[in-house]
C-alpha cells in the first residue's frame, strides 16, 4: 500500500515509522528542504515503545510526489513514543 504522510513533525514521523515498519510504501512530505535531505539520507530511528531504524520510500518537499497514494490519519495521545530523524530530534 502506498501512503502519503503530510508533515514530518512528531505525529508525521511516528506515522511514517510505524507504517514503513509494517511494510507500507511511505512517502513523507515536509516543507523543510533541510529535514527532507536529512531524513532521506539517514532514515528514522525510534526508541521507547517502538524500536528500530527505517527508511521511508520517499522523503520530499515536492507536493506532487505524494499524489496517487492511499491515505491514513492518526492522532497521538500525550506520552506516546516519539520518532527522531536519526541522531537528531526535530
Foldseek 3Di string as FASTA:
>chain_A
DEEEQEADAFQSLVVQVVCVVVPYQYAYEDLDPVLQVLCQVQNKAWDDPDGDGGRHNHYYNDPVVSPPGDYDDDDDDPPDTTMDSPPHRD
